[in-house]
């Protein structure tokens, strides 16, 4: 019966990318592998920003309606806010600039 270390060594020999998942094994293959990653931009897109703004505006509108003695169940307020937010997020196109 093979030990765990023997199994791991065999996997490292069979799969050149195994060293990525298990540091210390397959290091020669891992160093030769060049991984290119795209830098992520943390600025939200126009679609996400407008949906977030719509959710905030609807929250304020529902609060003001509550001050005017318009009584709505909290579930209804949440559903209206979610529908408006989803609708705005659906209708606003993505930004043309990626990154």
N, C-alpha and C. Protein backbone atom coordinates (compact mmCIF):
# COMPACT_ATOMS: atom_id res chain seq x y z
N UNK A 1 0.84 -1.17 0.00
CA UNK A 1 0.00 0.00 0.00
C UNK A 1 0.90 1.24 0.00
N UNK A 2 0.55 2.21 -0.83
CA UNK A 2 1.35 3.43 -0.97
C UNK A 2 1.03 4.40 0.17
N UNK A 3 2.07 5.11 0.57
CA UNK A 3 1.85 6.12 1.60
C UNK A 3 1.32 7.40 0.95
N UNK A 4 0.86 8.30 1.77
CA UNK A 4 0.33 9.57 1.27
C UNK A 4 1.41 10.34 0.53
N UNK A 5 2.62 10.34 1.06
CA UNK A 5 3.73 11.06 0.43
C UNK A 5 4.05 10.47 -0.94
N UNK A 6 4.00 9.15 -1.07
CA UNK A 6 4.26 8.53 -2.37
C UNK A 6 3.17 8.90 -3.38
N UNK A 7 1.95 8.93 -2.92
CA UNK A 7 0.84 9.31 -3.81
C UNK A 7 0.99 10.76 -4.26
N UNK A 8 1.34 11.63 -3.33
CA UNK A 8 1.53 13.04 -3.66
C UNK A 8 2.69 13.21 -4.63
N UNK A 9 3.79 12.49 -4.42
CA UNK A 9 4.93 12.56 -5.33
C UNK A 9 4.54 12.08 -6.73
N UNK A 10 3.76 11.02 -6.81
CA UNK A 10 3.32 10.50 -8.10
C UNK A 10 2.41 11.51 -8.81
N UNK A 11 1.52 12.14 -8.07
CA UNK A 11 0.66 13.17 -8.66
C UNK A 11 1.48 14.34 -9.17
N UNK A 12 2.50 14.73 -8.43
CA UNK A 12 3.34 15.85 -8.84
C UNK A 12 4.10 15.53 -10.12
N UNK A 13 4.49 14.28 -10.31
CA UNK A 13 5.20 13.89 -11.53
C UNK A 13 4.26 13.81 -12.72
N UNK A 14 3.02 13.36 -12.49
CA UNK A 14 2.06 13.19 -13.58
C UNK A 14 1.46 14.52 -14.03
N UNK A 15 1.25 15.44 -13.11
CA UNK A 15 0.59 16.71 -13.43
C UNK A 15 1.55 17.86 -13.20
N UNK A 16 2.02 18.53 -14.25
CA UNK A 16 2.99 19.60 -14.07
C UNK A 16 2.42 20.80 -13.32
N UNK A 17 1.11 20.94 -13.28
CA UNK A 17 0.49 22.06 -12.57
C UNK A 17 0.19 21.73 -11.12
N UNK A 18 0.51 20.52 -10.69
CA UNK A 18 0.20 20.12 -9.32
C UNK A 18 0.94 20.98 -8.30
N UNK A 19 2.12 21.47 -8.66
CA UNK A 19 2.90 22.31 -7.75
C UNK A 19 2.22 23.63 -7.43
N UNK A 20 1.31 24.08 -8.31
CA UNK A 20 0.57 25.31 -8.02
C UNK A 20 -0.37 25.09 -6.85
N UNK A 21 -0.99 23.92 -6.83
CA UNK A 21 -1.95 23.63 -5.78
C UNK A 21 -1.29 23.11 -4.52
N UNK A 22 -0.12 22.57 -4.66
CA UNK A 22 0.61 22.03 -3.51
C UNK A 22 2.00 22.66 -3.52
N UNK A 23 2.21 23.75 -2.82
CA UNK A 23 3.51 24.44 -2.84
C UNK A 23 4.64 23.50 -2.46
N UNK A 24 5.75 23.64 -3.17
CA UNK A 24 6.91 22.82 -2.89
C UNK A 24 7.04 21.64 -3.82
N UNK A 25 5.99 21.28 -4.51
CA UNK A 25 6.04 20.15 -5.44
C UNK A 25 5.92 20.68 -6.86
N UNK A 26 6.67 20.14 -7.74
CA UNK A 26 6.60 20.57 -9.13
C UNK A 26 7.08 22.00 -9.31
N UNK A 27 8.07 22.43 -8.50
CA UNK A 27 8.47 23.83 -8.54
C UNK A 27 9.12 24.20 -9.85
N UNK A 28 9.82 23.30 -10.51
CA UNK A 28 10.46 23.67 -11.78
C UNK A 28 9.40 23.96 -12.83
N UNK A 29 8.35 23.16 -12.86
CA UNK A 29 7.27 23.41 -13.81
C UNK A 29 6.50 24.66 -13.42
N UNK A 30 6.33 24.91 -12.14
CA UNK A 30 5.59 26.07 -11.68
C UNK A 30 6.31 27.35 -12.03
N UNK A 31 7.64 27.38 -11.87
CA UNK A 31 8.41 28.58 -12.20
C UNK A 31 8.36 28.85 -13.70
N UNK A 32 8.32 27.80 -14.52
CA UNK A 32 8.30 27.98 -15.96
C UNK A 32 6.95 28.47 -16.45
N UNK A 33 5.90 28.26 -15.67
CA UNK A 33 4.56 28.65 -16.06
C UNK A 33 4.37 30.14 -15.80
N UNK A 34 4.05 30.89 -16.85
CA UNK A 34 3.84 32.32 -16.69
C UNK A 34 2.34 32.57 -16.65
N UNK A 35 1.86 33.07 -15.54
CA UNK A 35 0.44 33.32 -15.36
C UNK A 35 0.19 34.80 -15.58
N UNK A 36 -0.67 35.11 -16.52
CA UNK A 36 -1.01 36.50 -16.82
C UNK A 36 -2.38 36.77 -16.23
N UNK A 37 -2.46 37.79 -15.41
CA UNK A 37 -3.74 38.16 -14.82
C UNK A 37 -4.07 39.58 -15.20
N UNK A 38 -5.35 39.83 -15.37
CA UNK A 38 -5.79 41.20 -15.63
C UNK A 38 -6.02 41.88 -14.29
N UNK A 39 -5.58 43.12 -14.22
CA UNK A 39 -5.81 43.87 -12.99
C UNK A 39 -7.28 44.26 -12.92
N UNK A 40 -7.83 44.08 -11.75
CA UNK A 40 -9.23 44.43 -11.55
C UNK A 40 -9.35 45.90 -11.21
N UNK A 41 -10.37 46.53 -11.74
CA UNK A 41 -10.66 47.92 -11.43
C UNK A 41 -11.74 47.93 -10.36
N UNK A 42 -11.50 48.62 -9.26
CA UNK A 42 -12.45 48.59 -8.15
C UNK A 42 -13.57 49.63 -8.31
N UNK A 43 -13.52 50.43 -9.36
CA UNK A 43 -14.58 51.42 -9.59
C UNK A 43 -15.79 50.69 -10.17
N UNK A 44 -16.98 50.88 -9.57
CA UNK A 44 -18.15 50.18 -10.09
C UNK A 44 -18.53 50.68 -11.49
N UNK A 45 -19.11 49.81 -12.27
CA UNK A 45 -19.55 50.19 -13.61
C UNK A 45 -20.78 51.08 -13.51
N UNK A 46 -21.13 51.68 -14.63
CA UNK A 46 -22.31 52.56 -14.68
C UNK A 46 -23.57 51.79 -14.30
N UNK A 47 -23.66 50.56 -14.74
CA UNK A 47 -24.82 49.71 -14.45
C UNK A 47 -24.96 49.47 -12.94
N UNK A 48 -23.88 49.12 -12.29
CA UNK A 48 -23.91 48.84 -10.85
C UNK A 48 -24.17 50.12 -10.06
N UNK A 49 -23.51 51.21 -10.45
CA UNK A 49 -23.70 52.48 -9.75
C UNK A 49 -25.12 52.98 -9.84
N UNK A 50 -25.72 52.88 -11.01
CA UNK A 50 -27.10 53.36 -11.15
C UNK A 50 -28.08 52.49 -10.39
N UNK A 51 -27.85 51.20 -10.35
CA UNK A 51 -28.73 50.30 -9.59
C UNK A 51 -28.62 50.59 -8.09
N UNK A 52 -27.41 50.84 -7.62
CA UNK A 52 -27.23 51.17 -6.20
C UNK A 52 -27.89 52.51 -5.87
N UNK A 53 -27.74 53.48 -6.76
CA UNK A 53 -28.37 54.78 -6.55
C UNK A 53 -29.89 54.66 -6.55
N UNK A 54 -30.43 53.84 -7.45
CA UNK A 54 -31.88 53.64 -7.49
C UNK A 54 -32.37 53.01 -6.19
N UNK A 55 -31.62 52.07 -5.65
CA UNK A 55 -32.01 51.46 -4.38
C UNK A 55 -32.01 52.47 -3.25
N UNK A 56 -30.99 53.35 -3.22
CA UNK A 56 -30.92 54.37 -2.18
C UNK A 56 -32.05 55.38 -2.33
N UNK A 57 -32.32 55.80 -3.56
CA UNK A 57 -33.40 56.78 -3.79
C UNK A 57 -34.75 56.18 -3.39
N UNK A 58 -34.99 54.94 -3.75
CA UNK A 58 -36.27 54.31 -3.39
C UNK A 58 -36.40 54.16 -1.89
N UNK A 59 -35.31 53.90 -1.20
CA UNK A 59 -35.37 53.82 0.26
C UNK A 59 -35.77 55.16 0.85
N UNK A 60 -35.21 56.24 0.34
CA UNK A 60 -35.57 57.58 0.83
C UNK A 60 -37.01 57.91 0.48
N UNK A 61 -37.45 57.57 -0.74
CA UNK A 61 -38.83 57.84 -1.16
C UNK A 61 -39.81 57.09 -0.25
N UNK A 62 -39.52 55.86 0.05
CA UNK A 62 -40.42 55.09 0.93
C UNK A 62 -40.41 55.66 2.34
N UNK A 63 -39.28 56.16 2.80
CA UNK A 63 -39.22 56.80 4.12
C UNK A 63 -40.07 58.06 4.14
N UNK A 64 -39.97 58.87 3.09
CA UNK A 64 -40.77 60.11 3.02
C UNK A 64 -42.25 59.78 2.94
N UNK A 65 -42.60 58.76 2.19
CA UNK A 65 -44.01 58.34 2.15
C UNK A 65 -44.49 57.91 3.53
N UNK A 66 -43.62 57.26 4.29
CA UNK A 66 -44.00 56.89 5.65
C UNK A 66 -44.22 58.10 6.53
N UNK A 67 -43.47 59.18 6.32
CA UNK A 67 -43.67 60.42 7.08
C UNK A 67 -44.98 61.10 6.70
N UNK A 68 -45.48 60.85 5.50
CA UNK A 68 -46.73 61.43 5.03
C UNK A 68 -47.94 60.55 5.38
N UNK A 69 -47.76 59.67 6.31
CA UNK A 69 -48.81 58.75 6.78
C UNK A 69 -49.31 57.79 5.71
N UNK A 70 -48.48 57.46 4.75
CA UNK A 70 -48.79 56.39 3.80
C UNK A 70 -48.24 55.12 4.40
N UNK A 71 -49.11 54.21 4.76
CA UNK A 71 -48.68 53.01 5.45
C UNK A 71 -48.55 51.84 4.47
N UNK A 72 -47.37 51.31 4.39
CA UNK A 72 -47.09 50.13 3.58
C UNK A 72 -46.35 49.12 4.46
N UNK A 73 -46.64 47.86 4.24
CA UNK A 73 -45.93 46.82 4.98
C UNK A 73 -44.46 46.85 4.57
N UNK A 74 -43.58 46.52 5.49
CA UNK A 74 -42.15 46.56 5.19
C UNK A 74 -41.78 45.61 4.06
N UNK A 75 -42.51 44.51 3.94
CA UNK A 75 -42.25 43.56 2.85
C UNK A 75 -42.57 44.19 1.50
N UNK A 76 -43.65 44.99 1.45
CA UNK A 76 -44.04 45.66 0.21
C UNK A 76 -42.99 46.71 -0.16
N UNK A 77 -42.54 47.46 0.83
CA UNK A 77 -41.50 48.47 0.59
C UNK A 77 -40.24 47.81 0.06
N UNK A 78 -39.84 46.70 0.66
CA UNK A 78 -38.65 45.99 0.20
C UNK A 78 -38.84 45.45 -1.22
N UNK A 79 -40.03 44.94 -1.52
CA UNK A 79 -40.28 44.41 -2.86
C UNK A 79 -40.27 45.52 -3.91
N UNK A 80 -40.87 46.67 -3.60
CA UNK A 80 -40.86 47.80 -4.53
C UNK A 80 -39.43 48.27 -4.77
N UNK A 81 -38.66 48.40 -3.71
CA UNK A 81 -37.27 48.83 -3.84
C UNK A 81 -36.47 47.84 -4.68
N UNK A 82 -36.66 46.56 -4.44
CA UNK A 82 -35.93 45.53 -5.20
C UNK A 82 -36.32 45.56 -6.67
N UNK A 83 -37.61 45.71 -6.96
CA UNK A 83 -38.06 45.74 -8.35
C UNK A 83 -37.53 46.96 -9.09
N UNK A 84 -37.58 48.13 -8.46
CA UNK A 84 -37.06 49.35 -9.11
C UNK A 84 -35.56 49.23 -9.32
N UNK A 85 -34.85 48.74 -8.31
CA UNK A 85 -33.40 48.58 -8.43
C UNK A 85 -33.04 47.60 -9.55
N UNK A 86 -33.72 46.49 -9.60
CA UNK A 86 -33.46 45.50 -10.65
C UNK A 86 -33.81 46.05 -12.02
N UNK A 87 -34.91 46.80 -12.10
CA UNK A 87 -35.30 47.40 -13.38
C UNK A 87 -34.29 48.40 -13.88
N UNK A 88 -33.80 49.26 -13.00
CA UNK A 88 -32.79 50.23 -13.40
C UNK A 88 -31.51 49.52 -13.80
N UNK A 89 -31.10 48.52 -13.03
CA UNK A 89 -29.90 47.76 -13.37
C UNK A 89 -30.02 47.04 -14.70
N UNK A 90 -31.22 46.62 -15.04
CA UNK A 90 -31.45 45.93 -16.31
C UNK A 90 -31.43 46.92 -17.47
N UNK A 91 -32.03 48.09 -17.29
CA UNK A 91 -32.18 49.04 -18.38
C UNK A 91 -30.91 49.84 -18.69
N UNK A 92 -30.10 50.09 -17.71
CA UNK A 92 -28.88 50.88 -17.94
C UNK A 92 -27.84 49.99 -18.62
N UNK A 93 -27.29 50.46 -19.76
CA UNK A 93 -26.28 49.64 -20.45
C UNK A 93 -24.96 49.64 -19.72
N UNK A 94 -24.14 48.63 -20.01
CA UNK A 94 -22.80 48.57 -19.44
C UNK A 94 -21.95 49.70 -19.99
N UNK A 95 -20.92 50.07 -19.24
CA UNK A 95 -19.98 51.08 -19.71
C UNK A 95 -19.23 50.54 -20.92
N UNK A 96 -18.87 51.43 -21.83
CA UNK A 96 -18.08 51.02 -23.00
C UNK A 96 -16.64 50.76 -22.63
N UNK A 97 -16.17 51.41 -21.58
CA UNK A 97 -14.78 51.22 -21.17
C UNK A 97 -14.69 50.06 -20.20
N UNK A 98 -13.89 49.08 -20.54
CA UNK A 98 -13.62 47.98 -19.62
C UNK A 98 -12.27 48.22 -19.00
N UNK A 99 -12.20 48.15 -17.70
CA UNK A 99 -11.04 48.50 -16.90
C UNK A 99 -10.97 49.98 -16.83
